[in-house]
Amino acid sequence: MKRVQSYGKHEDIVLRAHIELSRSLIKIRAKEIVWLSERDLTLPQFGILESLYHLGKLSVGQITKLTLSTPGNMTVIVKNLQSKGLIRILTSEEDRRIKMLEITDEGSEIIKSIFPTHVENLTGWYDKALNEEEVQTLSRLLRKLEKAQ
């Protein structure tokens, strides 16, 4: 077996942490994607519906930032959600150039019915490996890492 090259003790630790973080997220996301597809939703669609359900009416720009999406991708996702009757597109009362998104009653019912199970799924996946204190520590450390960028 080929010996892995070292880039320095600290650098090797950072690389290992990054690889493990990425692998963990990819595995959890894969489970989420399968679960959501069984409910006829994509992960980005779910993100928009969940944001609108919990936060209320938001601009397309706000949703794009919240869901870590791109404007081009957001256009397609919004059109698909609108065609399913799950959201409405409105014009901002303050600035007619800004489009606002609002969840419909049907969209609200979908999120209301599936979100508790989504939370149970995430809790179960995390609880397989981490206790409550470890999850709190992980959350705190990831927020610290995010804020440093």
C-alpha atoms as a PDB file:
ATOM      1  CA  MET A   1       0.000   0.000   0.000  1.00  0.00           C
ATOM      2  CA  LYS A   2       1.224   3.460  -0.869  1.00  0.00           C
ATOM      3  CA  ARG A   3       2.291   5.592   2.055  1.00  0.00           C
ATOM      4  CA  VAL A   4       0.314   8.811   2.402  1.00  0.00           C
ATOM      5  CA  GLN A   5       2.390  11.946   2.077  1.00  0.00           C
ATOM      6  CA  SER A   6       2.517  14.205   5.108  1.00  0.00           C
ATOM      7  CA  TYR A   7       2.043  17.939   4.744  1.00  0.00           C
ATOM      8  CA  GLY A   8       2.978  18.667   8.343  1.00  0.00           C
ATOM      9  CA  LYS A   9       1.509  17.484  11.636  1.00  0.00           C
ATOM     10  CA  HIS A  10      -1.059  20.274  12.003  1.00  0.00           C
ATOM     11  CA  GLU A  11      -1.873  20.297   8.290  1.00  0.00           C
ATOM     12  CA  ASP A  12      -2.456  16.524   8.303  1.00  0.00           C
ATOM     13  CA  ILE A  13      -4.870  16.918  11.239  1.00  0.00           C
ATOM     14  CA  VAL A  14      -6.765  19.666   9.395  1.00  0.00           C
ATOM     15  CA  LEU A  15      -6.948  17.562   6.219  1.00  0.00           C
ATOM     16  CA  ARG A  16      -8.240  14.549   8.168  1.00  0.00           C
ATOM     17  CA  ALA A  17     -10.891  16.665   9.915  1.00  0.00           C
ATOM     18  CA  HIS A  18     -11.982  18.167   6.607  1.00  0.00           C
ATOM     19  CA  ILE A  19     -12.249  14.764   4.948  1.00  0.00           C
ATOM     20  CA  GLU A  20     -14.275  13.328   7.849  1.00  0.00           C
ATOM     21  CA  LEU A  21     -16.574  16.363   7.964  1.00  0.00           C
ATOM     22  CA  SER A  22     -17.164  16.121   4.205  1.00  0.00           C
ATOM     23  CA  ARG A  23     -17.802  12.369   4.309  1.00  0.00           C
ATOM     24  CA  SER A  24     -20.224  12.710   7.207  1.00  0.00           C
ATOM     25  CA  LEU A  25     -22.181  15.465   5.495  1.00  0.00           C
ATOM     26  CA  ILE A  26     -22.304  13.555   2.194  1.00  0.00           C
ATOM     27  CA  LYS A  27     -23.656  10.431   3.927  1.00  0.00           C
ATOM     28  CA  ILE A  28     -26.286  12.340   5.895  1.00  0.00           C
ATOM     29  CA  ARG A  29     -27.294  14.370   2.810  1.00  0.00           C
ATOM     30  CA  ALA A  30     -27.663  11.172   0.784  1.00  0.00           C
ATOM     31  CA  LYS A  31     -30.113   9.819   3.365  1.00  0.00           C
ATOM     32  CA  GLU A  32     -32.019  13.118   3.374  1.00  0.00           C
ATOM     33  CA  ILE A  33     -32.216  13.159  -0.430  1.00  0.00           C
ATOM     34  CA  VAL A  34     -33.635   9.636  -0.565  1.00  0.00           C
ATOM     35  CA  TRP A  35     -36.151  10.368   2.190  1.00  0.00           C
ATOM     36  CA  LEU A  36     -37.277  13.617   0.533  1.00  0.00           C
ATOM     37  CA  SER A  37     -37.497  12.065  -2.938  1.00  0.00           C
ATOM     38  CA  GLU A  38     -39.967   9.560  -1.500  1.00  0.00           C
ATOM     39  CA  ARG A  39     -42.078  12.630  -0.653  1.00  0.00           C
ATOM     40  CA  ASP A  40     -41.673  14.119  -4.154  1.00  0.00           C
ATOM     41  CA  LEU A  41     -39.321  16.874  -2.975  1.00  0.00           C
ATOM     42  CA  THR A  42     -35.717  17.743  -3.683  1.00  0.00           C
ATOM     43  CA  LEU A  43     -33.385  18.960  -0.943  1.00  0.00           C
ATOM     44  CA  PRO A  44     -33.413  22.552  -2.302  1.00  0.00           C
ATOM     45  CA  GLN A  45     -37.220  22.521  -2.543  1.00  0.00           C
ATOM     46  CA  PHE A  46     -37.433  21.299   1.033  1.00  0.00           C
ATOM     47  CA  GLY A  47     -35.028  24.047   2.134  1.00  0.00           C
ATOM     48  CA  ILE A  48     -37.199  26.744   0.590  1.00  0.00           C
ATOM     49  CA  LEU A  49     -40.439  25.338   1.968  1.00  0.00           C
ATOM     50  CA  GLU A  50     -38.947  24.897   5.426  1.00  0.00           C
ATOM     51  CA  SER A  51     -37.572  28.463   5.425  1.00  0.00           C
ATOM     52  CA  LEU A  52     -40.868  29.984   4.325  1.00  0.00           C
ATOM     53  CA  TYR A  53     -42.816  27.842   6.797  1.00  0.00           C
ATOM     54  CA  HIS A  54     -40.673  28.825   9.781  1.00  0.00           C
ATOM     55  CA  LEU A  55     -39.702  32.389   8.818  1.00  0.00           C
ATOM     56  CA  GLY A  56     -42.644  33.625   6.765  1.00  0.00           C
ATOM     57  CA  LYS A  57     -42.561  35.573   3.519  1.00  0.00           C
ATOM     58  CA  LEU A  58     -39.016  36.127   2.192  1.00  0.00           C
ATOM     59  CA  SER A  59     -37.446  37.678  -0.882  1.00  0.00           C
ATOM     60  CA  VAL A  60     -35.817  35.471  -3.504  1.00  0.00           C
ATOM     61  CA  GLY A  61     -32.460  36.982  -2.477  1.00  0.00           C
ATOM     62  CA  GLN A  62     -33.003  36.108   1.180  1.00  0.00           C
ATOM     63  CA  ILE A  63     -33.992  32.523   0.297  1.00  0.00           C
ATOM     64  CA  THR A  64     -30.961  32.184  -1.979  1.00  0.00           C
ATOM     65  CA  LYS A  65     -28.638  33.138   0.895  1.00  0.00           C
ATOM     66  CA  LEU A  66     -30.460  31.025   3.492  1.00  0.00           C
ATOM     67  CA  THR A  67     -30.384  27.882   1.357  1.00  0.00           C
ATOM     68  CA  LEU A  68     -26.821  28.458   0.091  1.00  0.00           C
ATOM     69  CA  SER A  69     -28.088  28.316  -3.485  1.00  0.00           C
ATOM     70  CA  THR A  70     -27.290  30.302  -6.616  1.00  0.00           C
ATOM     71  CA  PRO A  71     -29.611  32.747  -8.373  1.00  0.00           C
ATOM     72  CA  GLY A  72     -29.757  30.591 -11.516  1.00  0.00           C
ATOM     73  CA  ASN A  73     -30.604  27.437  -9.621  1.00  0.00           C
ATOM     74  CA  MET A  74     -33.088  29.311  -7.436  1.00  0.00           C
ATOM     75  CA  THR A  75     -35.112  30.356 -10.488  1.00  0.00           C
ATOM     76  CA  VAL A  76     -35.704  26.725 -11.473  1.00  0.00           C
ATOM     77  CA  ILE A  77     -36.509  25.580  -7.935  1.00  0.00           C
ATOM     78  CA  VAL A  78     -38.968  28.438  -7.376  1.00  0.00           C
ATOM     79  CA  LYS A  79     -40.733  27.769 -10.695  1.00  0.00           C
ATOM     80  CA  ASN A  80     -41.072  24.075  -9.836  1.00  0.00           C
ATOM     81  CA  LEU A  81     -42.476  24.821  -6.377  1.00  0.00           C
ATOM     82  CA  GLN A  82     -44.875  27.352  -7.848  1.00  0.00           C
ATOM     83  CA  SER A  83     -46.070  24.886 -10.497  1.00  0.00           C
ATOM     84  CA  LYS A  84     -46.736  22.334  -7.723  1.00  0.00           C
ATOM     85  CA  GLY A  85     -48.835  24.960  -5.935  1.00  0.00           C
ATOM     86  CA  LEU A  86     -46.568  24.970  -2.873  1.00  0.00           C
ATOM     87  CA  ILE A  87     -45.450  28.620  -3.006  1.00  0.00           C
ATOM     88  CA  ARG A  88     -46.658  31.936  -4.425  1.00  0.00           C
ATOM     89  CA  ILE A  89     -44.493  34.612  -6.019  1.00  0.00           C
ATOM     90  CA  LEU A  90     -45.487  38.144  -5.031  1.00  0.00           C
ATOM     91  CA  THR A  91     -44.121  41.589  -5.788  1.00  0.00           C
ATOM     92  CA  SER A  92     -42.625  43.450  -2.834  1.00  0.00           C
ATOM     93  CA  GLU A  93     -44.767  46.329  -1.614  1.00  0.00           C
ATOM     94  CA  GLU A  94     -41.623  48.367  -0.847  1.00  0.00           C
ATOM     95  CA  ASP A  95     -39.760  47.728  -4.118  1.00  0.00           C
ATOM     96  CA  ARG A  96     -41.603  46.375  -7.138  1.00  0.00           C
ATOM     97  CA  ARG A  97     -38.327  44.957  -8.537  1.00  0.00           C
ATOM     98  CA  ILE A  98     -38.087  42.483  -5.638  1.00  0.00           C
ATOM     99  CA  LYS A  99     -39.959  39.206  -5.809  1.00  0.00           C
ATOM    100  CA  MET A 100     -41.247  37.788  -2.560  1.00  0.00           C
ATOM    101  CA  LEU A 101     -41.996  34.131  -1.872  1.00  0.00           C
ATOM    102  CA  GLU A 102     -44.815  32.922   0.305  1.00  0.00           C
ATOM    103  CA  ILE A 103     -45.722  29.362   1.202  1.00  0.00           C
ATOM    104  CA  THR A 104     -49.242  28.251   0.267  1.00  0.00           C
ATOM    105  CA  ASP A 105     -51.609  26.361   2.535  1.00  0.00           C
ATOM    106  CA  GLU A 106     -50.731  23.174   0.635  1.00  0.00           C
ATOM    107  CA  GLY A 107     -47.005  23.825   1.079  1.00  0.00           C
ATOM    108  CA  SER A 108     -47.528  24.510   4.777  1.00  0.00           C
ATOM    109  CA  GLU A 109     -49.458  21.273   5.214  1.00  0.00           C
ATOM    110  CA  ILE A 110     -46.665  19.298   3.543  1.00  0.00           C
ATOM    111  CA  ILE A 111     -43.926  20.795   5.730  1.00  0.00           C
ATOM    112  CA  LYS A 112     -46.087  20.543   8.843  1.00  0.00           C
ATOM    113  CA  SER A 113     -46.646  16.848   8.144  1.00  0.00           C
ATOM    114  CA  ILE A 114     -43.055  15.868   7.266  1.00  0.00           C
ATOM    115  CA  PHE A 115     -40.866  18.171   9.355  1.00  0.00           C
ATOM    116  CA  PRO A 116     -41.262  16.270  12.655  1.00  0.00           C
ATOM    117  CA  THR A 117     -40.102  13.069  10.936  1.00  0.00           C
ATOM    118  CA  HIS A 118     -37.203  14.952   9.354  1.00  0.00           C
ATOM    119  CA  VAL A 119     -36.132  16.052  12.839  1.00  0.00           C
ATOM    120  CA  GLU A 120     -36.486  12.466  14.118  1.00  0.00           C
ATOM    121  CA  ASN A 121     -34.356  11.210  11.208  1.00  0.00           C
ATOM    122  CA  LEU A 122     -31.583  13.716  11.884  1.00  0.00           C
ATOM    123  CA  THR A 123     -31.682  13.008  15.605  1.00  0.00           C
ATOM    124  CA  GLY A 124     -31.424   9.277  14.958  1.00  0.00           C
ATOM    125  CA  TRP A 125     -28.525   9.649  12.548  1.00  0.00           C
ATOM    126  CA  TYR A 126     -26.583  11.859  14.961  1.00  0.00           C
ATOM    127  CA  ASP A 127     -27.484   9.753  18.005  1.00  0.00           C
ATOM    128  CA  LYS A 128     -25.902   6.688  16.377  1.00  0.00           C
ATOM    129  CA  ALA A 129     -22.485   8.248  16.893  1.00  0.00           C
ATOM    130  CA  LEU A 130     -22.721  11.163  19.316  1.00  0.00           C
ATOM    131  CA  ASN A 131     -24.206  11.863  22.723  1.00  0.00           C
ATOM    132  CA  GLU A 132     -25.990  15.146  23.476  1.00  0.00           C
ATOM    133  CA  GLU A 133     -22.883  16.877  24.824  1.00  0.00           C
ATOM    134  CA  GLU A 134     -20.892  15.856  21.736  1.00  0.00           C
ATOM    135  CA  VAL A 135     -23.625  17.193  19.433  1.00  0.00           C
ATOM    136  CA  GLN A 136     -23.574  20.499  21.335  1.00  0.00           C
ATOM    137  CA  THR A 137     -19.788  20.635  21.045  1.00  0.00           C
ATOM    138  CA  LEU A 138     -19.942  19.801  17.336  1.00  0.00           C
ATOM    139  CA  SER A 139     -22.534  22.522  16.769  1.00  0.00           C
ATOM    140  CA  ARG A 140     -20.488  25.086  18.666  1.00  0.00           C
ATOM    141  CA  LEU A 141     -17.286  24.205  16.816  1.00  0.00           C
ATOM    142  CA  LEU A 142     -18.939  24.249  13.384  1.00  0.00           C
ATOM    143  CA  ARG A 143     -20.509  27.649  14.097  1.00  0.00           C
ATOM    144  CA  LYS A 144     -17.076  28.914  15.186  1.00  0.00           C
ATOM    145  CA  LEU A 145     -15.557  27.584  11.951  1.00  0.00           C
ATOM    146  CA  GLU A 146     -18.339  29.160   9.862  1.00  0.00           C
ATOM    147  CA  LYS A 147     -17.983  32.579  11.522  1.00  0.00           C
ATOM    148  CA  ALA A 148     -14.232  32.574  10.896  1.00  0.00           C
ATOM    149  CA  GLN A 149     -14.727  32.407   7.112  1.00  0.00           C
END
